[in-house]
């Protein structure tokens, strides 16, 4: 069960790219829209940045994004 970093790197790179793309899109959406289902702009910025590991952006799109 001794994994080398080179063995898991092909899985980590796309995951990291998806994570930062989702983070970037969530921040862009928060900064360009004025209304949210719950909370305000500053609250969602903090949640998205602190919960950067997919959780923050996903929470925003599920709970905060106004349709």
C-alpha atoms as a PDB file:
ATOM      1  CA  UNK A   1       0.000   0.000   0.000  1.00  0.00           C
ATOM      2  CA  UNK A   2       3.025   2.240  -0.447  1.00  0.00           C
ATOM      3  CA  UNK A   3       1.926   4.718  -3.143  1.00  0.00           C
ATOM      4  CA  UNK A   4       4.354   6.913  -4.950  1.00  0.00           C
ATOM      5  CA  UNK A   5       3.299  10.500  -5.768  1.00  0.00           C
ATOM      6  CA  UNK A   6       3.931   9.815  -9.461  1.00  0.00           C
ATOM      7  CA  UNK A   7       1.304   7.081  -9.395  1.00  0.00           C
ATOM      8  CA  UNK A   8      -1.472   9.351  -8.087  1.00  0.00           C
ATOM      9  CA  UNK A   9      -0.430  12.556  -9.878  1.00  0.00           C
ATOM     10  CA  UNK A  10      -2.543  11.800 -12.992  1.00  0.00           C
ATOM     11  CA  UNK A  11      -5.610  11.772 -10.719  1.00  0.00           C
ATOM     12  CA  UNK A  12      -4.643  14.807  -8.636  1.00  0.00           C
ATOM     13  CA  UNK A  13      -3.981  17.231 -11.493  1.00  0.00           C
ATOM     14  CA  UNK A  14      -7.500  17.090 -13.032  1.00  0.00           C
ATOM     15  CA  UNK A  15      -9.013  17.224  -9.545  1.00  0.00           C
ATOM     16  CA  UNK A  16      -7.007  20.351  -8.693  1.00  0.00           C
ATOM     17  CA  UNK A  17      -7.958  21.982 -11.997  1.00  0.00           C
ATOM     18  CA  UNK A  18     -11.653  21.242 -11.385  1.00  0.00           C
ATOM     19  CA  UNK A  19     -11.401  22.561  -7.829  1.00  0.00           C
ATOM     20  CA  UNK A  20      -9.859  25.884  -8.859  1.00  0.00           C
ATOM     21  CA  UNK A  21     -12.224  26.251 -11.822  1.00  0.00           C
ATOM     22  CA  UNK A  22     -15.236  25.764  -9.543  1.00  0.00           C
ATOM     23  CA  UNK A  23     -13.764  28.191  -6.999  1.00  0.00           C
ATOM     24  CA  UNK A  24     -13.118  30.798  -9.684  1.00  0.00           C
ATOM     25  CA  UNK A  25     -16.591  30.473 -11.178  1.00  0.00           C
ATOM     26  CA  UNK A  26     -18.250  30.683  -7.760  1.00  0.00           C
ATOM     27  CA  UNK A  27     -16.289  33.824  -6.838  1.00  0.00           C
ATOM     28  CA  UNK A  28     -17.014  35.392 -10.223  1.00  0.00           C
ATOM     29  CA  UNK A  29     -20.718  34.653  -9.840  1.00  0.00           C
ATOM     30  CA  UNK A  30     -20.818  36.076  -6.311  1.00  0.00           C
ATOM     31  CA  UNK A  31     -19.042  39.269  -7.348  1.00  0.00           C
ATOM     32  CA  UNK A  32     -21.215  39.871 -10.426  1.00  0.00           C
ATOM     33  CA  UNK A  33     -24.649  39.251  -8.885  1.00  0.00           C
ATOM     34  CA  UNK A  34     -26.479  41.321  -6.314  1.00  0.00           C
ATOM     35  CA  UNK A  35     -29.108  38.958  -4.921  1.00  0.00           C
ATOM     36  CA  UNK A  36     -28.769  35.618  -3.154  1.00  0.00           C
ATOM     37  CA  UNK A  37     -31.292  33.140  -1.763  1.00  0.00           C
ATOM     38  CA  UNK A  38     -29.633  33.192   1.667  1.00  0.00           C
ATOM     39  CA  UNK A  39     -26.983  35.437   3.153  1.00  0.00           C
ATOM     40  CA  UNK A  40     -25.144  38.317   1.559  1.00  0.00           C
ATOM     41  CA  UNK A  41     -22.120  38.777  -0.690  1.00  0.00           C
ATOM     42  CA  UNK A  42     -19.515  38.886   2.094  1.00  0.00           C
ATOM     43  CA  UNK A  43     -20.916  35.777   3.783  1.00  0.00           C
ATOM     44  CA  UNK A  44     -20.716  33.766   0.559  1.00  0.00           C
ATOM     45  CA  UNK A  45     -17.208  34.989  -0.262  1.00  0.00           C
ATOM     46  CA  UNK A  46     -16.006  33.793   3.151  1.00  0.00           C
ATOM     47  CA  UNK A  47     -17.828  30.445   2.839  1.00  0.00           C
ATOM     48  CA  UNK A  48     -16.467  29.809  -0.654  1.00  0.00           C
ATOM     49  CA  UNK A  49     -12.875  30.699   0.254  1.00  0.00           C
ATOM     50  CA  UNK A  50     -12.811  28.892   3.609  1.00  0.00           C
ATOM     51  CA  UNK A  51     -14.582  25.834   2.175  1.00  0.00           C
ATOM     52  CA  UNK A  52     -12.390  25.865  -0.912  1.00  0.00           C
ATOM     53  CA  UNK A  53     -12.155  22.070  -1.179  1.00  0.00           C
ATOM     54  CA  UNK A  54     -15.306  21.806  -3.349  1.00  0.00           C
ATOM     55  CA  UNK A  55     -17.567  22.209  -0.321  1.00  0.00           C
ATOM     56  CA  UNK A  56     -17.738  26.020  -0.285  1.00  0.00           C
ATOM     57  CA  UNK A  57     -18.492  26.510  -3.998  1.00  0.00           C
ATOM     58  CA  UNK A  58     -20.998  23.636  -4.020  1.00  0.00           C
ATOM     59  CA  UNK A  59     -22.785  25.085  -0.978  1.00  0.00           C
ATOM     60  CA  UNK A  60     -23.030  28.433  -2.769  1.00  0.00           C
ATOM     61  CA  UNK A  61     -24.525  26.932  -5.916  1.00  0.00           C
ATOM     62  CA  UNK A  62     -26.990  24.819  -3.944  1.00  0.00           C
ATOM     63  CA  UNK A  63     -27.991  27.267  -1.199  1.00  0.00           C
ATOM     64  CA  UNK A  64     -27.003  30.770  -2.212  1.00  0.00           C
ATOM     65  CA  UNK A  65     -27.298  31.202  -5.961  1.00  0.00           C
ATOM     66  CA  UNK A  66     -30.449  33.051  -6.979  1.00  0.00           C
ATOM     67  CA  UNK A  67     -32.107  31.399  -9.957  1.00  0.00           C
END
